[in-house]
Amino acid sequence: LTQNKMSVVAGTFGSSFRFIKEVPPNRKDLHPIIAVGQKAPRQILNLLNQGIAVNSSAFESLDDNGSKVLVGNKTETALLAFSHEIGSEDIEALRSRWEIEQLFPFSSDRKAMATVIKIPHPTKTGKFIYRAHVKGAPEILVDKCSTIITLQDSQYAFSEHDYRCQIPQLNTEDMTRVVHIIQSYASRSLRTIGIAYRDFEQWPPSGENVLSSASSSSSSSSNIGEEIEVSYDEIVRENGLTLLGVVGIEDPLRPGVTEAVKACQRAGVFVRMVTGDNMMTAKSIAKQCGIYTQGGIVMEGPVFRNLPPSEMDAILPRLQVLARSSPQDKQILVGRLKELGDIVAVTGDGTNDGPALKLADVGFSMGISGTQVAKEASSIILM
């Protein structure tokens, strides 16, 4: 549906420092993105750039013309491009400064990923702190935060490794403001990413639930160096994260999408959208391209998958958008539609799309962007 050409066009640090690509007239409360590197406190930018760098597998490369390009997941490359825009140093140089203690890859269940790094203690010579940088769905991350960054400049000088900021408790007013910002981005069809962190005095943290790598699931985390792992749940225990901010990422519709959807509908094809985006973003995009219409149903994947079969069958005729969904939800949807006698076609390009592509009557995968698993599971490869 979209061009997969993503860029950060809006965001907020804490709940008060807001920025946008193009500032409307008379909006003095907003900063243009190009000025963020000069306007935001340096310690905030350091924290942000650190988190973006270590929570990404995207990298810089050279194209055929010798120009630098970002390669990898489009959401991650959008964040890295934003980091460069606000003054970050070279990504590989940035990453090389910190030792990674543990990785928590993105999970469609928790809608987040995390990386724990070891950095010099800001006040204790020879000591270290262990910072967990977390990135994911903001409406989920906010609930895991008890504190929030403020943008008041400190009276103290900050060393190279000192990223401390004022972090008051996340009160009801701040929470309401942040939720409103998330909703405003989603209503404009922007994909929203929350960024948070938490510091630990040691790793593994004292008293935390430590798992042996042999007994823990390989999908929950990847351990670097030592044969021990800490579960992701311990990072967010007691809602101990500090919210750094939220960004809105634009991914324009592909040319001709609206016309293609209309053509399918005229031919009697019921077009449904299954996405990992939150409900407001998904609904807004679906409206733009004509998938969501008045009287249609938008539902979150976890709600859908837990419905009794009778209730699921009752809503399926009007289910147009499945948001915050997992690959399992896509597979359940395909299976249920087939049981009701529908002929089902599915599109997908990711490894996790494999089961749904294989289960469908016709599976379409993408020849250029599709993974090998998706191609092998599909009936038709679109070149």
Protein backbone atom coordinates (compact mmCIF):
# COMPACT_ATOMS: atom_id res chain seq x y z
CA LEU A 1 0.00 0.00 0.00
CA THR A 2 2.80 2.42 0.88
CA GLN A 3 6.06 3.27 -0.87
CA ASN A 4 8.28 1.97 1.94
CA LYS A 5 10.17 5.28 1.75
CA MET A 6 10.03 6.37 5.35
CA SER A 7 11.20 9.59 6.97
CA VAL A 8 10.75 11.23 10.36
CA VAL A 9 8.46 14.25 9.93
CA ALA A 10 7.41 14.96 13.53
CA GLY A 11 8.33 14.16 17.11
CA THR A 12 8.56 15.19 20.73
CA PHE A 13 11.17 14.97 23.48
CA GLY A 14 9.52 14.47 26.84
CA SER A 15 6.07 15.99 26.58
CA SER A 16 6.98 19.57 25.72
CA PHE A 17 9.72 19.87 23.07
CA ARG A 18 7.84 19.25 19.84
CA PHE A 19 9.23 19.40 16.31
CA ILE A 20 7.83 18.99 12.82
CA LYS A 21 9.09 19.02 9.25
CA GLU A 22 7.15 22.11 8.21
CA VAL A 23 6.00 24.46 10.97
CA PRO A 24 2.64 26.14 10.28
CA PRO A 25 2.43 29.93 10.75
CA ASN A 26 1.85 31.16 14.31
CA ARG A 27 2.91 27.84 15.91
CA LYS A 28 5.71 29.03 18.17
CA ASP A 29 5.39 25.87 20.28
CA LEU A 30 6.83 23.81 17.41
CA HIS A 31 10.43 23.63 16.17
CA PRO A 32 11.43 22.80 12.59
CA ILE A 33 13.28 19.47 12.39
CA ILE A 34 16.30 21.14 10.81
CA ALA A 35 16.71 23.22 13.99
CA VAL A 36 16.42 20.37 16.51
CA GLY A 37 20.19 19.86 16.61
CA GLN A 38 20.65 23.48 17.76
CA LYS A 39 17.55 23.92 19.93
CA ALA A 40 17.40 20.71 22.00
CA PRO A 41 19.76 20.24 25.00
CA ARG A 42 22.88 18.31 24.07
CA GLN A 43 22.32 15.61 26.70
CA ILE A 44 18.91 14.84 25.17
CA LEU A 45 20.41 14.54 21.70
CA ASN A 46 23.21 12.32 23.02
CA LEU A 47 20.68 9.97 24.60
CA LEU A 48 18.55 9.87 21.47
CA ASN A 49 21.45 9.25 19.10
CA GLN A 50 22.85 6.59 21.40
CA GLY A 51 19.53 4.76 21.53
CA ILE A 52 18.94 4.96 17.77
CA ALA A 53 22.46 3.72 17.01
CA VAL A 54 22.49 0.64 19.23
CA ASN A 55 18.84 -0.33 18.63
CA SER A 56 19.32 -0.82 14.91
CA SER A 57 20.92 -3.29 12.52
CA ALA A 58 20.79 -0.82 9.61
CA PHE A 59 24.11 0.44 8.31
CA GLU A 60 25.77 2.85 5.89
CA SER A 61 27.02 1.70 2.51
CA LEU A 62 28.00 3.17 -0.85
CA ASP A 63 25.76 3.08 -3.90
CA ASP A 64 26.94 2.65 -7.49
CA ASN A 65 27.81 6.35 -7.65
CA GLY A 66 29.93 6.22 -4.50
CA SER A 67 27.38 8.12 -2.42
CA LYS A 68 26.53 7.08 1.13
CA VAL A 69 23.19 5.31 1.56
CA LEU A 70 21.47 3.69 4.52
CA VAL A 71 20.71 -0.01 4.15
CA GLY A 72 18.29 -2.06 6.25
CA ASN A 73 14.81 -1.98 7.73
CA LYS A 74 13.09 1.17 6.47
CA THR A 75 11.89 2.25 9.90
CA GLU A 76 15.44 1.95 11.23
CA THR A 77 16.96 3.79 8.27
CA ALA A 78 14.42 6.60 8.78
CA LEU A 79 15.53 6.94 12.41
CA LEU A 80 19.22 6.86 11.45
CA ALA A 81 18.62 9.53 8.79
CA PHE A 82 16.89 11.67 11.42
CA SER A 83 19.82 11.10 13.79
CA HIS A 84 22.21 12.33 11.10
CA GLU A 85 19.98 15.32 10.41
CA ILE A 86 20.17 16.49 14.02
CA GLY A 87 23.95 16.17 14.18
CA SER A 88 24.88 12.58 15.05
CA GLU A 89 28.38 11.41 14.21
CA ASP A 90 29.11 8.48 11.88
CA ILE A 91 26.92 5.53 12.87
CA GLU A 92 29.70 2.93 13.04
CA ALA A 93 31.94 5.27 15.03
CA LEU A 94 29.05 5.84 17.42
CA ARG A 95 28.36 2.13 17.87
CA SER A 96 32.02 1.28 18.43
CA ARG A 97 32.10 3.39 21.60
CA TRP A 98 29.93 1.02 23.64
CA GLU A 99 30.06 -2.64 24.56
CA ILE A 100 26.78 -4.50 24.10
CA GLU A 101 25.78 -6.65 27.07
CA GLN A 102 22.52 -8.10 25.78
CA LEU A 103 20.15 -7.81 22.83
CA PHE A 104 16.39 -8.22 22.85
CA PRO A 105 15.25 -8.46 19.20
CA PHE A 106 11.91 -7.00 18.17
CA SER A 107 8.99 -9.22 19.11
CA SER A 108 5.53 -8.88 17.60
CA ASP A 109 4.12 -9.89 20.99
CA ARG A 110 5.74 -7.12 23.02
CA LYS A 111 5.96 -4.69 20.06
CA ALA A 112 9.39 -3.53 21.21
CA MET A 113 13.11 -4.25 21.11
CA ALA A 114 15.93 -3.37 23.50
CA THR A 115 19.71 -3.25 23.71
CA VAL A 116 21.75 -3.08 26.92
CA ILE A 117 25.11 -1.30 26.69
CA LYS A 118 27.96 -0.75 29.12
CA ILE A 119 29.12 2.86 29.51
CA PRO A 120 31.51 4.64 31.91
CA HIS A 121 29.85 5.86 35.09
CA PRO A 122 29.39 9.65 34.94
CA THR A 123 30.62 10.29 38.50
CA LYS A 124 32.52 7.19 39.67
CA THR A 125 35.91 6.76 38.03
CA GLY A 126 36.53 3.21 36.86
CA LYS A 127 32.89 2.22 37.36
CA PHE A 128 30.21 1.53 34.77
CA ILE A 129 26.47 1.78 34.33
CA TYR A 130 24.36 -0.44 32.11
CA ARG A 131 21.82 1.33 29.98
CA ALA A 132 18.85 -0.45 28.41
CA HIS A 133 17.64 1.43 25.34
CA VAL A 134 14.10 0.43 24.35
CA LYS A 135 12.29 1.20 21.10
CA GLY A 136 8.76 0.20 20.15
CA ALA A 137 5.06 0.97 20.00
CA PRO A 138 4.66 4.19 22.03
CA GLU A 139 1.20 3.41 23.40
CA ILE A 140 2.71 0.26 24.93
CA LEU A 141 6.01 1.82 26.06
CA VAL A 142 4.29 4.72 27.82
CA ASP A 143 2.60 2.25 30.15
CA LYS A 144 6.04 0.87 31.05
CA CYS A 145 7.41 4.30 32.03
CA SER A 146 7.30 5.90 35.46
CA THR A 147 9.50 8.90 34.63
CA ILE A 148 9.88 11.28 31.70
CA ILE A 149 12.69 13.45 30.34
CA THR A 150 12.33 17.20 30.82
CA LEU A 151 14.00 19.76 28.63
CA GLN A 152 15.26 22.17 31.27
CA ASP A 153 18.98 22.79 30.87
CA SER A 154 21.03 21.58 33.80
CA GLN A 155 23.31 23.96 35.70
CA TYR A 156 26.05 21.33 35.69
CA ALA A 157 28.58 20.54 33.00
CA PHE A 158 28.12 17.19 31.27
CA SER A 159 31.06 14.95 30.48
CA GLU A 160 31.31 12.89 27.30
CA HIS A 161 29.61 9.92 28.96
CA ASP A 162 27.17 11.81 31.20
CA TYR A 163 23.69 11.62 29.75
CA ARG A 164 21.81 12.56 32.91
CA CYS A 165 18.76 14.75 32.55
CA GLN A 166 16.02 15.87 34.87
CA ILE A 167 13.59 12.96 35.06
CA PRO A 168 10.51 13.75 37.15
CA GLN A 169 7.71 11.27 37.70
CA LEU A 170 5.40 10.76 34.73
CA ASN A 171 2.24 12.39 36.06
CA THR A 172 -1.29 12.28 34.70
CA GLU A 173 -0.87 15.59 32.85
CA ASP A 174 2.29 14.40 31.09
CA MET A 175 0.69 11.06 30.26
CA THR A 176 -2.38 12.75 28.78
CA ARG A 177 -0.22 15.09 26.71
CA VAL A 178 1.95 12.27 25.34
CA VAL A 179 -1.06 10.10 24.49
CA HIS A 180 -2.64 13.06 22.68
CA ILE A 181 0.58 13.55 20.68
CA ILE A 182 0.66 9.86 19.72
CA GLN A 183 -2.97 10.04 18.61
CA SER A 184 -2.40 13.22 16.61
CA TYR A 185 0.47 11.56 14.70
CA ALA A 186 -1.57 8.42 14.08
CA SER A 187 -4.54 10.43 12.79
CA ARG A 188 -2.19 11.87 10.13
CA SER A 189 -1.22 8.35 8.99
CA LEU A 190 2.19 8.59 10.65
CA ARG A 191 3.80 5.46 12.05
CA THR A 192 4.74 6.14 15.65
CA ILE A 193 7.85 4.95 17.48
CA GLY A 194 8.45 5.40 21.21
CA ILE A 195 11.97 5.70 22.62
CA ALA A 196 12.79 5.03 26.27
CA TYR A 197 15.68 3.89 28.45
CA ARG A 198 16.61 2.62 31.90
CA ASP A 199 19.91 2.61 33.79
CA PHE A 200 21.17 -0.25 35.97
CA GLU A 201 24.11 -0.20 38.37
CA GLN A 202 25.14 -3.72 37.34
CA TRP A 203 24.34 -6.37 34.77
CA PRO A 204 22.68 -8.74 35.38
CA PRO A 205 20.80 -6.47 37.78
CA SER A 206 20.89 -7.51 41.41
CA GLY A 207 17.84 -9.56 42.35
CA GLU A 208 16.56 -9.77 38.79
CA ASN A 209 15.32 -12.92 37.12
CA VAL A 210 18.42 -14.34 35.40
CA LEU A 211 18.01 -17.20 32.96
CA SER A 212 20.58 -19.65 31.67
CA SER A 213 20.98 -19.26 27.93
CA ALA A 214 20.46 -22.99 27.49
CA SER A 215 17.00 -22.90 29.04
CA SER A 216 15.71 -19.61 27.63
CA SER A 217 14.09 -19.10 24.27
CA SER A 218 16.44 -17.89 21.57
CA SER A 219 13.71 -15.53 20.38
CA SER A 220 13.56 -13.66 23.68
CA SER A 221 17.12 -12.35 23.69
CA SER A 222 20.63 -12.89 22.40
CA ASN A 223 23.43 -12.82 24.94
CA ILE A 224 26.80 -11.29 24.14
CA GLY A 225 29.84 -12.65 25.97
CA GLU A 226 28.46 -14.35 29.08
CA GLU A 227 26.33 -17.48 29.29
CA ILE A 228 23.49 -15.74 31.10
CA GLU A 229 20.41 -13.87 30.02
CA VAL A 230 18.00 -11.49 31.67
CA SER A 231 14.39 -11.60 30.51
CA TYR A 232 12.91 -8.53 28.80
CA ASP A 233 10.25 -8.36 31.49
CA GLU A 234 12.93 -7.43 34.02
CA ILE A 235 13.90 -4.34 32.01
CA VAL A 236 10.37 -2.99 32.26
CA ARG A 237 9.75 -4.33 35.77
CA GLU A 238 7.73 -1.98 37.98
CA ASN A 239 7.26 0.25 34.91
CA GLY A 240 10.81 1.47 35.46
CA LEU A 241 11.53 3.01 32.05
CA THR A 242 12.14 6.71 31.43
CA LEU A 243 10.34 8.06 28.37
CA LEU A 244 12.67 10.00 26.08
CA GLY A 245 10.25 10.77 23.28
CA VAL A 246 8.05 9.79 20.37
CA VAL A 247 8.60 10.26 16.64
CA GLY A 248 6.15 10.17 13.74
CA ILE A 249 7.35 8.52 10.53
CA GLU A 250 5.75 9.22 7.16
CA ASP A 251 5.41 6.49 4.53
CA PRO A 252 3.46 7.86 1.54
CA LEU A 253 0.92 5.77 -0.34
CA ARG A 254 2.11 4.22 -3.58
CA PRO A 255 0.76 5.94 -6.70
CA GLY A 256 -2.33 4.17 -7.98
CA VAL A 257 -3.15 2.33 -4.73
CA THR A 258 -6.56 3.96 -4.30
CA GLU A 259 -7.50 3.15 -7.89
CA ALA A 260 -6.28 -0.45 -7.52
CA VAL A 261 -8.37 -0.96 -4.37
CA LYS A 262 -11.45 0.44 -6.12
CA ALA A 263 -10.87 -1.85 -9.09
CA CYS A 264 -10.69 -4.89 -6.80
CA GLN A 265 -13.87 -3.83 -5.00
CA ARG A 266 -15.73 -3.32 -8.29
CA ALA A 267 -14.70 -6.86 -9.25
CA GLY A 268 -16.22 -8.23 -6.04
CA VAL A 269 -12.98 -8.60 -4.07
CA PHE A 270 -13.21 -7.73 -0.36
CA VAL A 271 -9.92 -5.96 0.42
CA ARG A 272 -8.70 -6.18 4.02
CA MET A 273 -5.64 -4.63 5.62
CA VAL A 274 -3.54 -6.51 8.19
CA THR A 275 -0.78 -4.41 9.75
CA GLY A 276 1.43 -3.95 12.76
CA ASP A 277 0.53 -0.24 12.94
CA ASN A 278 -1.63 1.01 15.79
CA MET A 279 -5.37 1.36 15.26
CA MET A 280 -5.43 5.09 14.50
CA THR A 281 -2.57 4.95 12.00
CA ALA A 282 -4.00 1.84 10.35
CA LYS A 283 -7.48 3.35 10.11
CA SER A 284 -6.14 6.60 8.67
CA ILE A 285 -4.09 4.81 5.98
CA ALA A 286 -7.01 2.49 5.20
CA LYS A 287 -9.29 5.52 4.76
CA GLN A 288 -6.85 7.15 2.36
CA CYS A 289 -6.72 4.15 0.07
CA GLY A 290 -10.41 3.25 0.30
CA ILE A 291 -10.12 0.03 2.32
CA TYR A 292 -11.91 1.42 5.36
CA THR A 293 -15.47 2.57 4.74
CA GLN A 294 -18.35 3.69 6.93
CA GLY A 295 -19.70 0.79 8.97
CA GLY A 296 -16.49 -1.20 8.69
CA ILE A 297 -14.69 -2.69 11.69
CA VAL A 298 -11.15 -1.89 12.80
CA MET A 299 -9.81 -4.28 15.44
CA GLU A 300 -6.51 -5.04 17.17
CA GLY A 301 -4.90 -8.41 16.56
CA PRO A 302 -4.82 -9.53 20.23
CA VAL A 303 -8.56 -8.85 20.54
CA PHE A 304 -9.32 -10.67 17.29
CA ARG A 305 -7.31 -13.80 18.09
CA ASN A 306 -9.02 -14.21 21.47
CA LEU A 307 -12.57 -14.05 20.11
CA PRO A 308 -14.70 -17.21 20.33
CA PRO A 309 -15.27 -18.71 16.84
CA SER A 310 -18.92 -17.61 16.80
CA GLU A 311 -18.05 -13.96 17.53
CA MET A 312 -15.18 -14.05 15.04
CA ASP A 313 -17.51 -15.31 12.32
CA ALA A 314 -20.02 -12.58 13.18
CA ILE A 315 -17.57 -9.69 12.71
CA LEU A 316 -15.66 -11.06 9.69
CA PRO A 317 -18.12 -9.72 7.07
CA ARG A 318 -17.38 -6.16 8.28
CA LEU A 319 -13.75 -6.57 9.39
CA GLN A 320 -11.74 -4.25 7.16
CA VAL A 321 -8.61 -3.49 9.18
CA LEU A 322 -6.64 -5.63 11.63
CA ALA A 323 -4.15 -3.43 13.50
CA ARG A 324 -1.29 -4.20 15.90
CA SER A 325 -1.42 -7.69 14.46
CA SER A 326 1.07 -10.54 14.62
CA PRO A 327 1.82 -13.12 11.90
CA GLN A 328 -0.36 -15.52 13.90
CA ASP A 329 -3.34 -13.15 13.52
CA LYS A 330 -2.88 -13.09 9.75
CA GLN A 331 -2.82 -16.87 9.66
CA ILE A 332 -5.93 -17.13 11.88
CA LEU A 333 -7.79 -14.67 9.64
CA VAL A 334 -6.93 -16.60 6.48
CA GLY A 335 -7.91 -19.92 8.04
CA ARG A 336 -11.23 -18.63 9.35
CA LEU A 337 -12.18 -17.04 6.01
CA LYS A 338 -11.43 -20.29 4.19
CA GLU A 339 -13.57 -22.24 6.65
CA LEU A 340 -16.43 -19.88 5.82
CA GLY A 341 -16.03 -20.75 2.14
CA ASP A 342 -14.14 -17.68 0.91
CA ILE A 343 -11.37 -17.83 -1.69
CA VAL A 344 -8.48 -16.00 -0.03
CA ALA A 345 -5.48 -14.26 -1.60
CA VAL A 346 -2.69 -12.95 0.64
CA THR A 347 0.22 -10.61 -0.03
CA GLY A 348 3.39 -10.56 2.05
CA ASP A 349 7.14 -10.19 1.87
CA GLY A 350 8.47 -11.14 5.31
CA THR A 351 9.63 -14.46 6.73
CA ASN A 352 6.80 -14.31 9.26
CA ASP A 353 4.28 -14.05 6.41
CA GLY A 354 5.19 -17.57 5.27
CA PRO A 355 2.44 -19.52 7.12
CA ALA A 356 -0.36 -17.19 5.92
CA LEU A 357 0.97 -17.18 2.34
CA LYS A 358 1.09 -20.96 2.30
CA LEU A 359 -2.38 -21.35 3.84
CA ALA A 360 -4.04 -18.95 1.39
CA ASP A 361 -5.61 -20.15 -1.85
CA VAL A 362 -3.25 -17.76 -3.62
CA GLY A 363 -0.16 -16.24 -2.03
CA PHE A 364 1.58 -13.23 -3.58
CA SER A 365 5.13 -12.36 -2.51
CA MET A 366 7.41 -9.53 -3.57
CA GLY A 367 10.26 -10.43 -5.92
CA ILE A 368 12.60 -7.62 -4.92
CA SER A 369 11.86 -6.99 -1.25
CA GLY A 370 10.47 -10.42 -0.35
CA THR A 371 12.44 -12.90 1.74
CA GLN A 372 13.26 -16.35 0.42
CA VAL A 373 10.84 -17.93 2.90
CA ALA A 374 7.99 -15.72 1.65
CA LYS A 375 8.78 -16.51 -1.99
CA GLU A 376 8.85 -20.25 -1.38
CA ALA A 377 5.53 -20.12 0.51
CA SER A 378 3.74 -18.11 -2.19
CA SER A 379 2.01 -19.13 -5.40
CA ILE A 380 2.98 -16.03 -7.37
CA ILE A 381 6.06 -13.80 -7.10
CA LEU A 382 5.50 -10.19 -8.20
CA MET A 383 8.59 -8.82 -9.93
